[in-house]
Amino acid sequence: MNPLSMKNIQKLIGEEVQLFDRDGRRGAFTVASVEALERHGYDDLGRFVEHFSIKFDGDGSTHFPDGHYHFKHPKLGEIELFVFHKHGHEYEVLVDSQPVG
């Protein structure tokens, strides 16, 4: 099972995830939405490719610039993701997973 699949992340909409960086800064994001992007689905070779965005609302306690952060959630486990700061307290992660081989 892939905890970072679109189907699994959609189940987290409205839930809070904890994030932290290597310097120990911590914060909380709420999963606001999950949206399929243009290449989401089957490719020309019949392989399923997941390409989607996860939009988060920050709690406002700390600003997180673009970069890698560790995310923790009981259903997701702990995973490192690259976060884009959009504006204000809005953030986004792009997921692009495709089969290898």
N, C-alpha and C. Protein backbone atom coordinates (compact mmCIF):
# COMPACT_ATOMS: atom_id res chain seq x y z
N MET A 1 0.84 -1.19 0.00
CA MET A 1 0.00 0.00 0.00
C MET A 1 0.88 1.24 0.00
N ASN A 2 0.52 2.22 -0.81
CA ASN A 2 1.24 3.48 -0.88
C ASN A 2 0.49 4.53 -0.05
N PRO A 3 1.03 4.93 1.11
CA PRO A 3 0.33 5.92 1.93
C PRO A 3 0.21 7.27 1.23
N LEU A 4 1.06 7.52 0.23
CA LEU A 4 1.04 8.79 -0.47
C LEU A 4 0.23 8.73 -1.77
N SER A 5 -0.66 7.77 -1.89
CA SER A 5 -1.52 7.72 -3.06
C SER A 5 -2.60 8.79 -2.94
N MET A 6 -3.12 9.21 -4.07
CA MET A 6 -4.16 10.24 -4.06
C MET A 6 -5.37 9.78 -3.25
N LYS A 7 -5.75 8.53 -3.43
CA LYS A 7 -6.90 7.98 -2.72
C LYS A 7 -6.70 8.06 -1.20
N ASN A 8 -5.51 7.72 -0.73
CA ASN A 8 -5.24 7.76 0.71
C ASN A 8 -5.15 9.19 1.24
N ILE A 9 -4.56 10.08 0.47
CA ILE A 9 -4.44 11.47 0.92
C ILE A 9 -5.80 12.15 0.94
N GLN A 10 -6.68 11.81 0.00
CA GLN A 10 -8.03 12.41 0.01
C GLN A 10 -8.77 12.11 1.31
N LYS A 11 -8.48 10.98 1.92
CA LYS A 11 -9.12 10.62 3.19
C LYS A 11 -8.68 11.53 4.33
N LEU A 12 -7.61 12.29 4.12
CA LEU A 12 -7.08 13.17 5.16
C LEU A 12 -7.59 14.60 5.06
N ILE A 13 -8.43 14.90 4.07
CA ILE A 13 -8.94 16.27 3.93
C ILE A 13 -9.64 16.67 5.22
N GLY A 14 -9.24 17.84 5.72
CA GLY A 14 -9.79 18.36 6.97
C GLY A 14 -9.00 17.94 8.20
N GLU A 15 -8.08 17.02 8.04
CA GLU A 15 -7.28 16.56 9.17
C GLU A 15 -5.97 17.33 9.25
N GLU A 16 -5.41 17.32 10.44
CA GLU A 16 -4.16 18.04 10.69
C GLU A 16 -2.98 17.09 10.60
N VAL A 17 -1.92 17.57 9.97
CA VAL A 17 -0.65 16.84 9.93
C VAL A 17 0.41 17.72 10.59
N GLN A 18 1.32 17.10 11.27
CA GLN A 18 2.42 17.81 11.90
C GLN A 18 3.59 17.84 10.93
N LEU A 19 4.34 18.93 10.94
CA LEU A 19 5.54 18.97 10.12
C LEU A 19 6.66 19.58 10.92
N PHE A 20 7.87 19.22 10.54
CA PHE A 20 9.05 19.76 11.21
C PHE A 20 10.22 19.72 10.26
N ASP A 21 11.21 20.56 10.54
CA ASP A 21 12.40 20.59 9.69
C ASP A 21 13.60 20.09 10.49
N ARG A 22 14.75 20.10 9.85
CA ARG A 22 15.97 19.60 10.49
C ARG A 22 16.41 20.47 11.66
N ASP A 23 15.99 21.73 11.68
CA ASP A 23 16.36 22.64 12.76
C ASP A 23 15.41 22.55 13.94
N GLY A 24 14.41 21.67 13.85
CA GLY A 24 13.49 21.49 14.97
C GLY A 24 12.27 22.39 14.94
N ARG A 25 12.15 23.25 13.91
CA ARG A 25 10.93 24.06 13.82
C ARG A 25 9.75 23.15 13.55
N ARG A 26 8.66 23.41 14.23
CA ARG A 26 7.47 22.57 14.10
C ARG A 26 6.27 23.42 13.75
N GLY A 27 5.31 22.78 13.13
CA GLY A 27 4.06 23.45 12.79
C GLY A 27 2.99 22.42 12.50
N ALA A 28 1.83 22.92 12.19
CA ALA A 28 0.71 22.05 11.85
C ALA A 28 0.05 22.58 10.59
N PHE A 29 -0.25 21.69 9.67
CA PHE A 29 -0.98 22.01 8.46
C PHE A 29 -2.27 21.21 8.46
N THR A 30 -3.32 21.81 7.93
CA THR A 30 -4.56 21.09 7.70
C THR A 30 -4.66 20.79 6.21
N VAL A 31 -4.98 19.55 5.88
CA VAL A 31 -5.13 19.18 4.47
C VAL A 31 -6.41 19.85 3.96
N ALA A 32 -6.25 20.80 3.05
CA ALA A 32 -7.38 21.58 2.54
C ALA A 32 -8.03 20.93 1.32
N SER A 33 -7.20 20.43 0.39
CA SER A 33 -7.75 19.79 -0.81
C SER A 33 -6.69 18.93 -1.47
N VAL A 34 -7.17 18.03 -2.31
CA VAL A 34 -6.31 17.16 -3.11
C VAL A 34 -6.88 17.21 -4.53
N GLU A 35 -6.03 17.59 -5.49
CA GLU A 35 -6.52 17.77 -6.85
C GLU A 35 -5.66 17.01 -7.86
N ALA A 36 -6.31 16.23 -8.71
CA ALA A 36 -5.59 15.54 -9.79
C ALA A 36 -5.06 16.59 -10.76
N LEU A 37 -3.86 16.35 -11.26
CA LEU A 37 -3.25 17.24 -12.25
C LEU A 37 -3.31 16.59 -13.62
N GLU A 38 -2.90 17.31 -14.64
CA GLU A 38 -3.10 16.92 -16.03
C GLU A 38 -2.65 15.50 -16.36
N ARG A 39 -1.51 15.07 -15.87
CA ARG A 39 -0.99 13.76 -16.25
C ARG A 39 -1.46 12.62 -15.35
N HIS A 40 -2.40 12.87 -14.45
CA HIS A 40 -2.88 11.82 -13.54
C HIS A 40 -3.70 10.81 -14.34
N GLY A 41 -3.36 9.54 -14.18
CA GLY A 41 -4.09 8.48 -14.89
C GLY A 41 -3.12 7.55 -15.61
N TYR A 42 -3.61 6.90 -16.64
CA TYR A 42 -2.80 5.93 -17.37
C TYR A 42 -1.96 6.62 -18.43
N ASP A 43 -0.69 6.19 -18.52
CA ASP A 43 0.18 6.75 -19.55
C ASP A 43 0.03 5.95 -20.85
N ASP A 44 0.83 6.29 -21.85
CA ASP A 44 0.75 5.65 -23.16
C ASP A 44 1.10 4.16 -23.13
N LEU A 45 1.78 3.73 -22.08
CA LEU A 45 2.17 2.33 -21.95
C LEU A 45 1.21 1.55 -21.07
N GLY A 46 0.13 2.20 -20.65
CA GLY A 46 -0.87 1.52 -19.84
C GLY A 46 -0.53 1.46 -18.36
N ARG A 47 0.48 2.23 -17.93
CA ARG A 47 0.87 2.26 -16.52
C ARG A 47 0.12 3.39 -15.81
N PHE A 48 -0.28 3.15 -14.57
CA PHE A 48 -0.99 4.17 -13.82
C PHE A 48 0.01 5.11 -13.17
N VAL A 49 -0.14 6.40 -13.46
CA VAL A 49 0.75 7.43 -12.93
C VAL A 49 -0.09 8.37 -12.07
N GLU A 50 0.39 8.60 -10.86
CA GLU A 50 -0.30 9.55 -10.00
C GLU A 50 0.41 10.89 -10.06
N HIS A 51 -0.35 11.91 -10.41
CA HIS A 51 0.18 13.27 -10.50
C HIS A 51 -0.90 14.17 -9.91
N PHE A 52 -0.67 14.64 -8.69
CA PHE A 52 -1.69 15.44 -8.01
C PHE A 52 -1.06 16.43 -7.05
N SER A 53 -1.86 17.38 -6.62
CA SER A 53 -1.38 18.37 -5.66
C SER A 53 -2.15 18.20 -4.35
N ILE A 54 -1.44 18.51 -3.27
CA ILE A 54 -2.05 18.54 -1.94
C ILE A 54 -1.93 19.97 -1.46
N LYS A 55 -3.06 20.58 -1.16
CA LYS A 55 -3.05 21.96 -0.67
C LYS A 55 -3.29 21.94 0.84
N PHE A 56 -2.50 22.73 1.54
CA PHE A 56 -2.55 22.79 3.00
C PHE A 56 -2.82 24.21 3.47
N ASP A 57 -3.48 24.31 4.60
CA ASP A 57 -3.61 25.57 5.32
C ASP A 57 -2.73 25.47 6.55
N GLY A 58 -1.77 26.39 6.68
CA GLY A 58 -0.92 26.42 7.86
C GLY A 58 -1.68 26.98 9.04
N ASP A 59 -1.18 26.70 10.23
CA ASP A 59 -1.86 27.19 11.44
C ASP A 59 -1.50 28.64 11.76
N GLY A 60 -0.56 29.21 11.01
CA GLY A 60 -0.20 30.61 11.20
C GLY A 60 0.85 30.85 12.27
N SER A 61 1.25 29.81 12.99
CA SER A 61 2.21 30.00 14.07
C SER A 61 3.62 30.21 13.55
N THR A 62 3.93 29.66 12.39
CA THR A 62 5.28 29.73 11.83
C THR A 62 5.17 29.79 10.32
N HIS A 63 6.06 30.56 9.70
CA HIS A 63 6.14 30.60 8.25
C HIS A 63 7.14 29.55 7.81
N PHE A 64 6.78 28.76 6.81
CA PHE A 64 7.67 27.74 6.27
C PHE A 64 8.00 28.11 4.82
N PRO A 65 9.24 28.49 4.54
CA PRO A 65 9.62 28.78 3.15
C PRO A 65 9.68 27.48 2.35
N ASP A 66 9.76 27.60 1.02
CA ASP A 66 9.90 26.43 0.16
C ASP A 66 11.04 25.55 0.67
N GLY A 67 10.81 24.25 0.73
CA GLY A 67 11.87 23.35 1.16
C GLY A 67 11.34 22.00 1.56
N HIS A 68 12.26 21.13 1.98
CA HIS A 68 11.91 19.78 2.43
C HIS A 68 11.53 19.80 3.91
N TYR A 69 10.42 19.12 4.22
CA TYR A 69 9.94 19.02 5.59
C TYR A 69 9.46 17.60 5.84
N HIS A 70 9.54 17.19 7.09
CA HIS A 70 9.01 15.89 7.50
C HIS A 70 7.57 16.07 7.94
N PHE A 71 6.70 15.23 7.42
CA PHE A 71 5.28 15.24 7.77
C PHE A 71 4.97 14.01 8.60
N LYS A 72 4.14 14.20 9.63
CA LYS A 72 3.73 13.06 10.46
C LYS A 72 2.21 13.07 10.61
N HIS A 73 1.64 11.89 10.46
CA HIS A 73 0.21 11.70 10.67
C HIS A 73 0.02 10.22 10.98
N PRO A 74 -0.90 9.87 11.90
CA PRO A 74 -1.08 8.46 12.24
C PRO A 74 -1.40 7.57 11.04
N LYS A 75 -2.13 8.07 10.06
CA LYS A 75 -2.49 7.25 8.89
C LYS A 75 -1.41 7.29 7.80
N LEU A 76 -0.62 8.35 7.77
CA LEU A 76 0.40 8.54 6.74
C LEU A 76 1.75 8.03 7.18
N GLY A 77 2.00 8.02 8.48
CA GLY A 77 3.33 7.71 8.98
C GLY A 77 4.16 8.97 8.93
N GLU A 78 5.45 8.82 8.72
CA GLU A 78 6.34 9.98 8.57
C GLU A 78 6.97 9.93 7.20
N ILE A 79 6.92 11.06 6.51
CA ILE A 79 7.43 11.12 5.15
C ILE A 79 8.01 12.52 4.91
N GLU A 80 9.06 12.58 4.11
CA GLU A 80 9.65 13.87 3.77
C GLU A 80 9.10 14.32 2.42
N LEU A 81 8.63 15.57 2.37
CA LEU A 81 8.04 16.12 1.15
C LEU A 81 8.59 17.52 0.91
N PHE A 82 8.61 17.93 -0.35
CA PHE A 82 9.00 19.30 -0.70
C PHE A 82 7.76 20.16 -0.70
N VAL A 83 7.81 21.24 0.06
CA VAL A 83 6.67 22.13 0.23
C VAL A 83 6.91 23.44 -0.51
N PHE A 84 5.88 23.90 -1.20
CA PHE A 84 5.89 25.23 -1.83
C PHE A 84 5.01 26.15 -1.00
N HIS A 85 5.56 27.29 -0.61
CA HIS A 85 4.73 28.29 0.05
C HIS A 85 4.02 29.07 -1.04
N LYS A 86 2.69 29.07 -1.02
CA LYS A 86 1.91 29.75 -2.06
C LYS A 86 1.72 31.23 -1.71
N HIS A 87 1.02 31.52 -0.64
CA HIS A 87 0.88 32.87 -0.11
C HIS A 87 0.15 32.79 1.23
N GLY A 88 0.39 33.80 2.06
CA GLY A 88 -0.24 33.78 3.38
C GLY A 88 0.13 32.52 4.13
N HIS A 89 -0.88 31.78 4.54
CA HIS A 89 -0.67 30.52 5.26
C HIS A 89 -1.05 29.32 4.40
N GLU A 90 -0.95 29.49 3.07
CA GLU A 90 -1.30 28.41 2.15
C GLU A 90 -0.03 27.79 1.57
N TYR A 91 -0.03 26.45 1.54
CA TYR A 91 1.12 25.69 1.08
C TYR A 91 0.65 24.60 0.13
N GLU A 92 1.60 24.05 -0.64
CA GLU A 92 1.25 23.02 -1.60
C GLU A 92 2.39 22.01 -1.75
N VAL A 93 2.02 20.77 -1.97
CA VAL A 93 2.96 19.69 -2.28
C VAL A 93 2.49 19.07 -3.60
N LEU A 94 3.42 18.84 -4.50
CA LEU A 94 3.11 18.16 -5.76
C LEU A 94 3.62 16.73 -5.67
N VAL A 95 2.78 15.79 -6.04
CA VAL A 95 3.14 14.37 -6.01
C VAL A 95 3.14 13.86 -7.44
N ASP A 96 4.23 13.21 -7.82
CA ASP A 96 4.36 12.64 -9.16
C ASP A 96 5.01 11.28 -8.98
N SER A 97 4.19 10.25 -8.98
CA SER A 97 4.73 8.89 -8.81
C SER A 97 4.40 8.07 -10.04
N GLN A 98 5.40 7.38 -10.52
CA GLN A 98 5.19 6.54 -11.68
C GLN A 98 5.99 5.26 -11.52
N PRO A 99 5.57 4.22 -12.19
CA PRO A 99 6.28 2.95 -12.08
C PRO A 99 7.70 3.06 -12.58
N VAL A 100 8.57 2.29 -11.98
CA VAL A 100 9.97 2.24 -12.40
C VAL A 100 10.16 0.97 -13.21
N GLY A 101 10.84 1.09 -14.34
CA GLY A 101 11.15 -0.10 -15.12
C GLY A 101 10.40 -0.22 -16.40
